[in-house]
Amino acid sequence: AAAAKSVDLILNTVSADHQADHYLPLLANKGTLVQL
């Protein structure tokens, strides 16, 4: 919660099962989450 909307781009390196939308609140408006 403290880091909400704090980054413009996220590079997600996690290779274990998870849900990508867990990290969407960290993105600033118009931000992008990249699955790697």
PDB file of all heavy atoms in Angstrom:
ATOM      1  N   ALA A   1       0.823  -1.209   0.000  1.00  0.00           N
ATOM      2  CA  ALA A   1       0.000   0.000   0.000  1.00  0.00           C
ATOM      3  C   ALA A   1       0.858   1.260   0.000  1.00  0.00           C
ATOM      4  O   ALA A   1       0.545   2.250  -0.671  1.00  0.00           O
ATOM      5  CB  ALA A   1      -0.936  -0.010   1.212  1.00  0.00           C
ATOM      6  N   ALA A   2       1.954   1.218   0.736  1.00  0.00           N
ATOM      7  CA  ALA A   2       2.841   2.384   0.806  1.00  0.00           C
ATOM      8  C   ALA A   2       3.499   2.673  -0.530  1.00  0.00           C
ATOM      9  O   ALA A   2       3.883   3.822  -0.812  1.00  0.00           O
ATOM     10  CB  ALA A   2       3.904   2.154   1.875  1.00  0.00           C
ATOM     11  N   ALA A   3       3.621   1.639  -1.361  1.00  0.00           N
ATOM     12  CA  ALA A   3       4.292   1.805  -2.661  1.00  0.00           C
ATOM     13  C   ALA A   3       3.305   1.939  -3.815  1.00  0.00           C
ATOM     14  O   ALA A   3       3.709   1.897  -4.983  1.00  0.00           O
ATOM     15  CB  ALA A   3       5.226   0.617  -2.905  1.00  0.00           C
ATOM     16  N   ALA A   4       2.033   2.125  -3.526  1.00  0.00           N
ATOM     17  CA  ALA A   4       1.017   2.224  -4.574  1.00  0.00           C
ATOM     18  C   ALA A   4       1.338   3.346  -5.561  1.00  0.00           C
ATOM     19  O   ALA A   4       1.765   4.440  -5.169  1.00  0.00           O
ATOM     20  CB  ALA A   4      -0.353   2.443  -3.949  1.00  0.00           C
ATOM     21  N   LYS A   5       1.187   3.058  -6.843  1.00  0.00           N
ATOM     22  CA  LYS A   5       1.383   4.019  -7.940  1.00  0.00           C
ATOM     23  C   LYS A   5       2.783   4.642  -7.932  1.00  0.00           C
ATOM     24  O   LYS A   5       2.949   5.795  -8.322  1.00  0.00           O
ATOM     25  CB  LYS A   5       0.323   5.116  -7.887  1.00  0.00           C
ATOM     26  CG  LYS A   5      -1.093   4.612  -8.066  1.00  0.00           C
ATOM     27  CD  LYS A   5      -2.093   5.775  -8.095  1.00  0.00           C
ATOM     28  CE  LYS A   5      -3.519   5.267  -8.302  1.00  0.00           C
ATOM     29  NZ  LYS A   5      -4.502   6.386  -8.350  1.00  0.00           N
ATOM     30  N   SER A   6       3.781   3.863  -7.518  1.00  0.00           N
ATOM     31  CA  SER A   6       5.117   4.440  -7.351  1.00  0.00           C
ATOM     32  C   SER A   6       6.099   4.132  -8.481  1.00  0.00           C
ATOM     33  O   SER A   6       7.207   4.667  -8.482  1.00  0.00           O
ATOM     34  CB  SER A   6       5.728   3.949  -6.029  1.00  0.00           C
ATOM     35  OG  SER A   6       5.940   2.552  -6.055  1.00  0.00           O
ATOM     36  N   VAL A   7       5.710   3.286  -9.434  1.00  0.00           N
ATOM     37  CA  VAL A   7       6.650   2.939 -10.514  1.00  0.00           C
ATOM     38  C   VAL A   7       5.969   3.051 -11.873  1.00  0.00           C
ATOM     39  O   VAL A   7       4.762   2.869 -12.012  1.00  0.00           O
ATOM     40  CB  VAL A   7       7.232   1.520 -10.334  1.00  0.00           C
ATOM     41  CG1 VAL A   7       8.144   1.457  -9.125  1.00  0.00           C
ATOM     42  CG2 VAL A   7       6.136   0.473 -10.220  1.00  0.00           C
ATOM     43  N   ASP A   8       6.766   3.344 -12.879  1.00  0.00           N
ATOM     44  CA  ASP A   8       6.250   3.497 -14.250  1.00  0.00           C
ATOM     45  C   ASP A   8       6.316   2.191 -15.029  1.00  0.00           C
ATOM     46  O   ASP A   8       5.495   1.949 -15.920  1.00  0.00           O
ATOM     47  CB  ASP A   8       7.082   4.552 -14.997  1.00  0.00           C
ATOM     48  CG  ASP A   8       7.137   5.871 -14.268  1.00  0.00           C
ATOM     49  OD1 ASP A   8       6.056   6.456 -14.028  1.00  0.00           O
ATOM     50  OD2 ASP A   8       8.250   6.321 -13.925  1.00  0.00           O
ATOM     51  N   LEU A   9       7.298   1.370 -14.692  1.00  0.00           N
ATOM     52  CA  LEU A   9       7.517   0.115 -15.405  1.00  0.00           C
ATOM     53  C   LEU A   9       7.913  -0.949 -14.398  1.00  0.00           C
ATOM     54  O   LEU A   9       8.741  -0.695 -13.519  1.00  0.00           O
ATOM     55  CB  LEU A   9       8.642   0.272 -16.444  1.00  0.00           C
ATOM     56  CG  LEU A   9       9.059  -0.977 -17.221  1.00  0.00           C
ATOM     57  CD1 LEU A   9       7.988  -1.374 -18.229  1.00  0.00           C
ATOM     58  CD2 LEU A   9      10.399  -0.743 -17.951  1.00  0.00           C
ATOM     59  N   ILE A  10       7.299  -2.124 -14.512  1.00  0.00           N
ATOM     60  CA  ILE A  10       7.680  -3.256 -13.672  1.00  0.00           C
ATOM     61  C   ILE A  10       8.143  -4.394 -14.564  1.00  0.00           C
ATOM     62  O   ILE A  10       7.451  -4.764 -15.524  1.00  0.00           O
ATOM     63  CB  ILE A  10       6.506  -3.744 -12.804  1.00  0.00           C
ATOM     64  CG1 ILE A  10       6.081  -2.677 -11.795  1.00  0.00           C
ATOM     65  CG2 ILE A  10       6.885  -5.026 -12.066  1.00  0.00           C
ATOM     66  CD1 ILE A  10       4.858  -3.080 -10.970  1.00  0.00           C
ATOM     67  N   LEU A  11       9.293  -4.964 -14.250  1.00  0.00           N
ATOM     68  CA  LEU A  11       9.780  -6.172 -14.907  1.00  0.00           C
ATOM     69  C   LEU A  11       9.603  -7.317 -13.920  1.00  0.00           C
ATOM     70  O   LEU A  11      10.208  -7.316 -12.850  1.00  0.00           O
ATOM     71  CB  LEU A  11      11.250  -6.031 -15.311  1.00  0.00           C
ATOM     72  CG  LEU A  11      11.614  -4.847 -16.210  1.00  0.00           C
ATOM     73  CD1 LEU A  11      13.072  -4.940 -16.638  1.00  0.00           C
ATOM     74  CD2 LEU A  11      10.696  -4.772 -17.430  1.00  0.00           C
ATOM     75  N   ASN A  12       8.779  -8.279 -14.283  1.00  0.00           N
ATOM     76  CA  ASN A  12       8.426  -9.376 -13.390  1.00  0.00           C
ATOM     77  C   ASN A  12       9.192 -10.635 -13.776  1.00  0.00           C
ATOM     78  O   ASN A  12       8.917 -11.257 -14.805  1.00  0.00           O
ATOM     79  CB  ASN A  12       6.920  -9.641 -13.454  1.00  0.00           C
ATOM     80  CG  ASN A  12       6.479 -10.734 -12.502  1.00  0.00           C
ATOM     81  OD1 ASN A  12       7.260 -11.214 -11.676  1.00  0.00           O
ATOM     82  ND2 ASN A  12       5.229 -11.148 -12.619  1.00  0.00           N
ATOM     83  N   THR A  13      10.140 -11.030 -12.948  1.00  0.00           N
ATOM     84  CA  THR A  13      10.990 -12.180 -13.247  1.00  0.00           C
ATOM     85  C   THR A  13      10.510 -13.477 -12.590  1.00  0.00           C
ATOM     86  O   THR A  13      11.141 -14.519 -12.764  1.00  0.00           O
ATOM     87  CB  THR A  13      12.441 -11.929 -12.779  1.00  0.00           C
ATOM     88  OG1 THR A  13      12.502 -12.000 -11.346  1.00  0.00           O
ATOM     89  CG2 THR A  13      12.940 -10.572 -13.240  1.00  0.00           C
ATOM     90  N   VAL A  14       9.416 -13.429 -11.844  1.00  0.00           N
ATOM     91  CA  VAL A  14       8.979 -14.583 -11.060  1.00  0.00           C
ATOM     92  C   VAL A  14       8.584 -15.738 -11.980  1.00  0.00           C
ATOM     93  O   VAL A  14       7.766 -15.567 -12.897  1.00  0.00           O
ATOM     94  CB  VAL A  14       7.803 -14.215 -10.143  1.00  0.00           C
ATOM     95  CG1 VAL A  14       7.294 -15.442  -9.405  1.00  0.00           C
ATOM     96  CG2 VAL A  14       8.238 -13.139  -9.154  1.00  0.00           C
ATOM     97  N   SER A  15       9.142 -16.912 -11.721  1.00  0.00           N
ATOM     98  CA  SER A  15       8.840 -18.091 -12.534  1.00  0.00           C
ATOM     99  C   SER A  15       8.018 -19.120 -11.771  1.00  0.00           C
ATOM    100  O   SER A  15       7.702 -20.183 -12.316  1.00  0.00           O
ATOM    101  CB  SER A  15      10.134 -18.730 -13.044  1.00  0.00           C
ATOM    102  OG  SER A  15      11.013 -19.012 -11.983  1.00  0.00           O
ATOM    103  N   ALA A  16       7.668 -18.834 -10.536  1.00  0.00           N
ATOM    104  CA  ALA A  16       6.749 -19.686  -9.776  1.00  0.00           C
ATOM    105  C   ALA A  16       5.322 -19.219 -10.017  1.00  0.00           C
ATOM    106  O   ALA A  16       5.082 -18.081 -10.429  1.00  0.00           O
ATOM    107  CB  ALA A  16       7.084 -19.614  -8.287  1.00  0.00           C
ATOM    108  N   ASP A  17       4.356 -20.099  -9.793  1.00  0.00           N
ATOM    109  CA  ASP A  17       2.951 -19.739 -10.009  1.00  0.00           C
ATOM    110  C   ASP A  17       2.564 -18.538  -9.153  1.00  0.00           C
ATOM    111  O   ASP A  17       2.839 -18.498  -7.951  1.00  0.00           O
ATOM    112  CB  ASP A  17       2.044 -20.925  -9.676  1.00  0.00           C
ATOM    113  CG  ASP A  17       2.131 -22.036 -10.712  1.00  0.00           C
ATOM    114  OD1 ASP A  17       2.673 -21.780 -11.795  1.00  0.00           O
ATOM    115  OD2 ASP A  17       1.652 -23.156 -10.422  1.00  0.00           O
ATOM    116  N   HIS A  18       1.933 -17.566  -9.779  1.00  0.00           N
ATOM    117  CA  HIS A  18       1.445 -16.381  -9.083  1.00  0.00           C
ATOM    118  C   HIS A  18       0.452 -15.682  -9.992  1.00  0.00           C
ATOM    119  O   HIS A  18       0.257 -16.086 -11.143  1.00  0.00           O
ATOM    120  CB  HIS A  18       2.607 -15.435  -8.732  1.00  0.00           C
ATOM    121  CG  HIS A  18       3.239 -14.809  -9.937  1.00  0.00           C
ATOM    122  ND1 HIS A  18       4.090 -15.491 -10.784  1.00  0.00           N
ATOM    123  CD2 HIS A  18       3.129 -13.556 -10.451  1.00  0.00           C
ATOM    124  CE1 HIS A  18       4.484 -14.690 -11.760  1.00  0.00           C
ATOM    125  NE2 HIS A  18       3.914 -13.519 -11.588  1.00  0.00           N
ATOM    126  N   GLN A  19      -0.164 -14.621  -9.508  1.00  0.00           N
ATOM    127  CA  GLN A  19      -1.097 -13.843 -10.304  1.00  0.00           C
ATOM    128  C   GLN A  19      -0.516 -12.457 -10.575  1.00  0.00           C
ATOM    129  O   GLN A  19      -0.175 -11.718  -9.651  1.00  0.00           O
ATOM    130  CB  GLN A  19      -2.445 -13.732  -9.598  1.00  0.00           C
ATOM    131  CG  GLN A  19      -3.200 -15.050  -9.512  1.00  0.00           C
ATOM    132  CD  GLN A  19      -3.485 -15.634 -10.890  1.00  0.00           C
ATOM    133  OE1 GLN A  19      -3.915 -14.931 -11.808  1.00  0.00           O
ATOM    134  NE2 GLN A  19      -3.255 -16.940 -11.037  1.00  0.00           N
ATOM    135  N   ALA A  20      -0.406 -12.125 -11.843  1.00  0.00           N
ATOM    136  CA  ALA A  20       0.228 -10.864 -12.238  1.00  0.00           C
ATOM    137  C   ALA A  20      -0.507  -9.648 -11.698  1.00  0.00           C
ATOM    138  O   ALA A  20       0.116  -8.630 -11.365  1.00  0.00           O
ATOM    139  CB  ALA A  20       0.314 -10.781 -13.770  1.00  0.00           C
ATOM    140  N   ASP A  21      -1.844  -9.738 -11.599  1.00  0.00           N
ATOM    141  CA  ASP A  21      -2.580  -8.538 -11.200  1.00  0.00           C
ATOM    142  C   ASP A  21      -2.350  -8.144  -9.741  1.00  0.00           C
ATOM    143  O   ASP A  21      -2.738  -7.057  -9.319  1.00  0.00           O
ATOM    144  CB  ASP A  21      -4.069  -8.676 -11.493  1.00  0.00           C
ATOM    145  CG  ASP A  21      -4.755  -9.761 -10.677  1.00  0.00           C
ATOM    146  OD1 ASP A  21      -4.052 -10.483  -9.928  1.00  0.00           O
ATOM    147  OD2 ASP A  21      -5.991  -9.890 -10.797  1.00  0.00           O
ATOM    148  N   HIS A  22      -1.673  -8.999  -8.972  1.00  0.00           N
ATOM    149  CA  HIS A  22      -1.309  -8.631  -7.598  1.00  0.00           C
ATOM    150  C   HIS A  22      -0.417  -7.394  -7.584  1.00  0.00           C
ATOM    151  O   HIS A  22      -0.429  -6.626  -6.618  1.00  0.00           O
ATOM    152  CB  HIS A  22      -0.599  -9.810  -6.934  1.00  0.00           C
ATOM    153  CG  HIS A  22      -0.091  -9.524  -5.552  1.00  0.00           C
ATOM    154  ND1 HIS A  22      -0.929  -9.404  -4.461  1.00  0.00           N
ATOM    155  CD2 HIS A  22       1.187  -9.325  -5.082  1.00  0.00           C
ATOM    156  CE1 HIS A  22      -0.203  -9.147  -3.384  1.00  0.00           C
ATOM    157  NE2 HIS A  22       1.071  -9.098  -3.720  1.00  0.00           N
ATOM    158  N   TYR A  23       0.350  -7.192  -8.667  1.00  0.00           N
ATOM    159  CA  TYR A  23       1.338  -6.117  -8.708  1.00  0.00           C
ATOM    160  C   TYR A  23       0.833  -4.859  -9.424  1.00  0.00           C
ATOM    161  O   TYR A  23       1.516  -3.827  -9.406  1.00  0.00           O
ATOM    162  CB  TYR A  23       2.610  -6.620  -9.400  1.00  0.00           C
ATOM    163  CG  TYR A  23       3.235  -7.795  -8.694  1.00  0.00           C
ATOM    164  CD1 TYR A  23       3.027  -9.095  -9.147  1.00  0.00           C
ATOM    165  CD2 TYR A  23       4.003  -7.627  -7.551  1.00  0.00           C
ATOM    166  CE1 TYR A  23       3.579 -10.183  -8.482  1.00  0.00           C
ATOM    167  CE2 TYR A  23       4.555  -8.703  -6.878  1.00  0.00           C
ATOM    168  CZ  TYR A  23       4.334  -9.983  -7.352  1.00  0.00           C
ATOM    169  OH  TYR A  23       4.880 -11.054  -6.680  1.00  0.00           O
ATOM    170  N   LEU A  24      -0.344  -4.915 -10.022  1.00  0.00           N
ATOM    171  CA  LEU A  24      -0.839  -3.764 -10.766  1.00  0.00           C
ATOM    172  C   LEU A  24      -1.013  -2.510  -9.911  1.00  0.00           C
ATOM    173  O   LEU A  24      -0.779  -1.393 -10.400  1.00  0.00           O
ATOM    174  CB  LEU A  24      -2.168  -4.111 -11.451  1.00  0.00           C
ATOM    175  CG  LEU A  24      -2.093  -5.181 -12.554  1.00  0.00           C
ATOM    176  CD1 LEU A  24      -3.476  -5.414 -13.153  1.00  0.00           C
ATOM    177  CD2 LEU A  24      -1.110  -4.779 -13.646  1.00  0.00           C
ATOM    178  N   PRO A  25      -1.393  -2.611  -8.624  1.00  0.00           N
ATOM    179  CA  PRO A  25      -1.524  -1.398  -7.813  1.00  0.00           C
ATOM    180  C   PRO A  25      -0.223  -0.614  -7.655  1.00  0.00           C
ATOM    181  O   PRO A  25      -0.256   0.582  -7.324  1.00  0.00           O
ATOM    182  CB  PRO A  25      -2.005  -1.932  -6.461  1.00  0.00           C
ATOM    183  CG  PRO A  25      -2.719  -3.196  -6.777  1.00  0.00           C
ATOM    184  CD  PRO A  25      -1.922  -3.797  -7.901  1.00  0.00           C
ATOM    185  N   LEU A  26       0.913  -1.255  -7.884  1.00  0.00           N
ATOM    186  CA  LEU A  26       2.187  -0.546  -7.761  1.00  0.00           C
ATOM    187  C   LEU A  26       2.448   0.387  -8.943  1.00  0.00           C
ATOM    188  O   LEU A  26       3.276   1.305  -8.849  1.00  0.00           O
ATOM    189  CB  LEU A  26       3.346  -1.551  -7.663  1.00  0.00           C
ATOM    190  CG  LEU A  26       3.336  -2.499  -6.456  1.00  0.00           C
ATOM    191  CD1 LEU A  26       4.516  -3.465  -6.544  1.00  0.00           C
ATOM    192  CD2 LEU A  26       3.379  -1.719  -5.150  1.00  0.00           C
ATOM    193  N   LEU A  27       1.753   0.160 -10.060  1.00  0.00           N
ATOM    194  CA  LEU A  27       1.987   0.958 -11.261  1.00  0.00           C
ATOM    195  C   LEU A  27       1.323   2.331 -11.180  1.00  0.00           C
ATOM    196  O   LEU A  27       0.170   2.457 -10.750  1.00  0.00           O
ATOM    197  CB  LEU A  27       1.451   0.234 -12.494  1.00  0.00           C
ATOM    198  CG  LEU A  27       2.239  -0.966 -12.996  1.00  0.00           C
ATOM    199  CD1 LEU A  27       1.462  -1.680 -14.107  1.00  0.00           C
ATOM    200  CD2 LEU A  27       3.622  -0.552 -13.515  1.00  0.00           C
ATOM    201  N   ALA A  28       2.051   3.328 -11.636  1.00  0.00           N
ATOM    202  CA  ALA A  28       1.448   4.641 -11.842  1.00  0.00           C
ATOM    203  C   ALA A  28       0.516   4.562 -13.048  1.00  0.00           C
ATOM    204  O   ALA A  28       0.573   3.613 -13.832  1.00  0.00           O
ATOM    205  CB  ALA A  28       2.541   5.686 -12.085  1.00  0.00           C
ATOM    206  N   ASN A  29      -0.347   5.544 -13.200  1.00  0.00           N
ATOM    207  CA  ASN A  29      -1.229   5.583 -14.363  1.00  0.00           C
ATOM    208  C   ASN A  29      -0.408   5.476 -15.648  1.00  0.00           C
ATOM    209  O   ASN A  29       0.667   6.059 -15.773  1.00  0.00           O
ATOM    210  CB  ASN A  29      -2.046   6.867 -14.376  1.00  0.00           C
ATOM    211  CG  ASN A  29      -3.055   6.925 -13.244  1.00  0.00           C
ATOM    212  OD1 ASN A  29      -3.385   5.900 -12.636  1.00  0.00           O
ATOM    213  ND2 ASN A  29      -3.550   8.116 -12.946  1.00  0.00           N
ATOM    214  N   LYS A  30      -0.909   4.704 -16.592  1.00  0.00           N
ATOM    215  CA  LYS A  30      -0.270   4.435 -17.890  1.00  0.00           C
ATOM    216  C   LYS A  30       0.977   3.560 -17.767  1.00  0.00           C
ATOM    217  O   LYS A  30       1.768   3.454 -18.696  1.00  0.00           O
ATOM    218  CB  LYS A  30       0.083   5.736 -18.625  1.00  0.00           C
ATOM    219  CG  LYS A  30      -1.116   6.620 -18.949  1.00  0.00           C
ATOM    220  CD  LYS A  30      -0.711   7.845 -19.757  1.00  0.00           C
ATOM    221  CE  LYS A  30      -1.934   8.703 -20.079  1.00  0.00           C
ATOM    222  NZ  LYS A  30      -1.562   9.904 -20.889  1.00  0.00           N
ATOM    223  N   GLY A  31       1.131   2.928 -16.602  1.00  0.00           N
ATOM    224  CA  GLY A  31       2.293   2.072 -16.397  1.00  0.00           C
ATOM    225  C   GLY A  31       2.155   0.716 -17.078  1.00  0.00           C
ATOM    226  O   GLY A  31       1.064   0.307 -17.496  1.00  0.00           O
ATOM    227  N   THR A  32       3.272  -0.002 -17.141  1.00  0.00           N
ATOM    228  CA  THR A  32       3.314  -1.301 -17.818  1.00  0.00           C
ATOM    229  C   THR A  32       3.980  -2.342 -16.942  1.00  0.00           C
ATOM    230  O   THR A  32       5.037  -2.088 -16.351  1.00  0.00           O
ATOM    231  CB  THR A  32       4.093  -1.204 -19.151  1.00  0.00           C
ATOM    232  OG1 THR A  32       3.456  -0.246 -20.006  1.00  0.00           O
ATOM    233  CG2 THR A  32       4.139  -2.551 -19.861  1.00  0.00           C
ATOM    234  N   LEU A  33       3.339  -3.506 -16.861  1.00  0.00           N
ATOM    235  CA  LEU A  33       3.902  -4.676 -16.199  1.00  0.00           C
ATOM    236  C   LEU A  33       4.362  -5.645 -17.280  1.00  0.00           C
ATOM    237  O   LEU A  33       3.559  -6.070 -18.116  1.00  0.00           O
ATOM    238  CB  LEU A  33       2.855  -5.346 -15.307  1.00  0.00           C
ATOM    239  CG  LEU A  33       3.194  -6.724 -14.734  1.00  0.00           C
ATOM    240  CD1 LEU A  33       4.353  -6.636 -13.760  1.00  0.00           C
ATOM    241  CD2 LEU A  33       1.968  -7.352 -14.067  1.00  0.00           C
ATOM    242  N   VAL A  34       5.651  -5.976 -17.278  1.00  0.00           N
ATOM    243  CA  VAL A  34       6.212  -6.861 -18.299  1.00  0.00           C
ATOM    244  C   VAL A  34       6.519  -8.216 -17.680  1.00  0.00           C
ATOM    245  O   VAL A  34       7.281  -8.321 -16.714  1.00  0.00           O
ATOM    246  CB  VAL A  34       7.496  -6.265 -18.920  1.00  0.00           C
ATOM    247  CG1 VAL A  34       7.994  -7.162 -20.054  1.00  0.00           C
ATOM    248  CG2 VAL A  34       7.243  -4.853 -19.438  1.00  0.00           C
ATOM    249  N   GLN A  35       5.922  -9.252 -18.239  1.00  0.00           N
ATOM    250  CA  GLN A  35       6.107 -10.616 -17.766  1.00  0.00           C
ATOM    251  C   GLN A  35       7.346 -11.234 -18.419  1.00  0.00           C
ATOM    252  O   GLN A  35       7.428 -11.337 -19.654  1.00  0.00           O
ATOM    253  CB  GLN A  35       4.877 -11.458 -18.092  1.00  0.00           C
ATOM    254  CG  GLN A  35       3.605 -11.016 -17.374  1.00  0.00           C
ATOM    255  CD  GLN A  35       3.686 -11.232 -15.880  1.00  0.00           C
ATOM    256  OE1 GLN A  35       3.842 -10.275 -15.124  1.00  0.00           O
ATOM    257  NE2 GLN A  35       3.602 -12.485 -15.448  1.00  0.00           N
ATOM    258  N   LEU A  36       8.297 -11.660 -17.579  1.00  0.00           N
ATOM    259  CA  LEU A  36       9.551 -12.222 -18.066  1.00  0.00           C
ATOM    260  C   LEU A  36       9.775 -13.655 -17.596  1.00  0.00           C
ATOM    261  O   LEU A  36      10.319 -14.475 -18.333  1.00  0.00           O
ATOM    262  CB  LEU A  36      10.725 -11.347 -17.614  1.00  0.00           C
ATOM    263  CG  LEU A  36      10.695  -9.888 -18.056  1.00  0.00           C
ATOM    264  CD1 LEU A  36      11.810  -9.107 -17.381  1.00  0.00           C
ATOM    265  CD2 LEU A  36      10.821  -9.790 -19.571  1.00  0.00           C
TER     266      LEU A  36
END
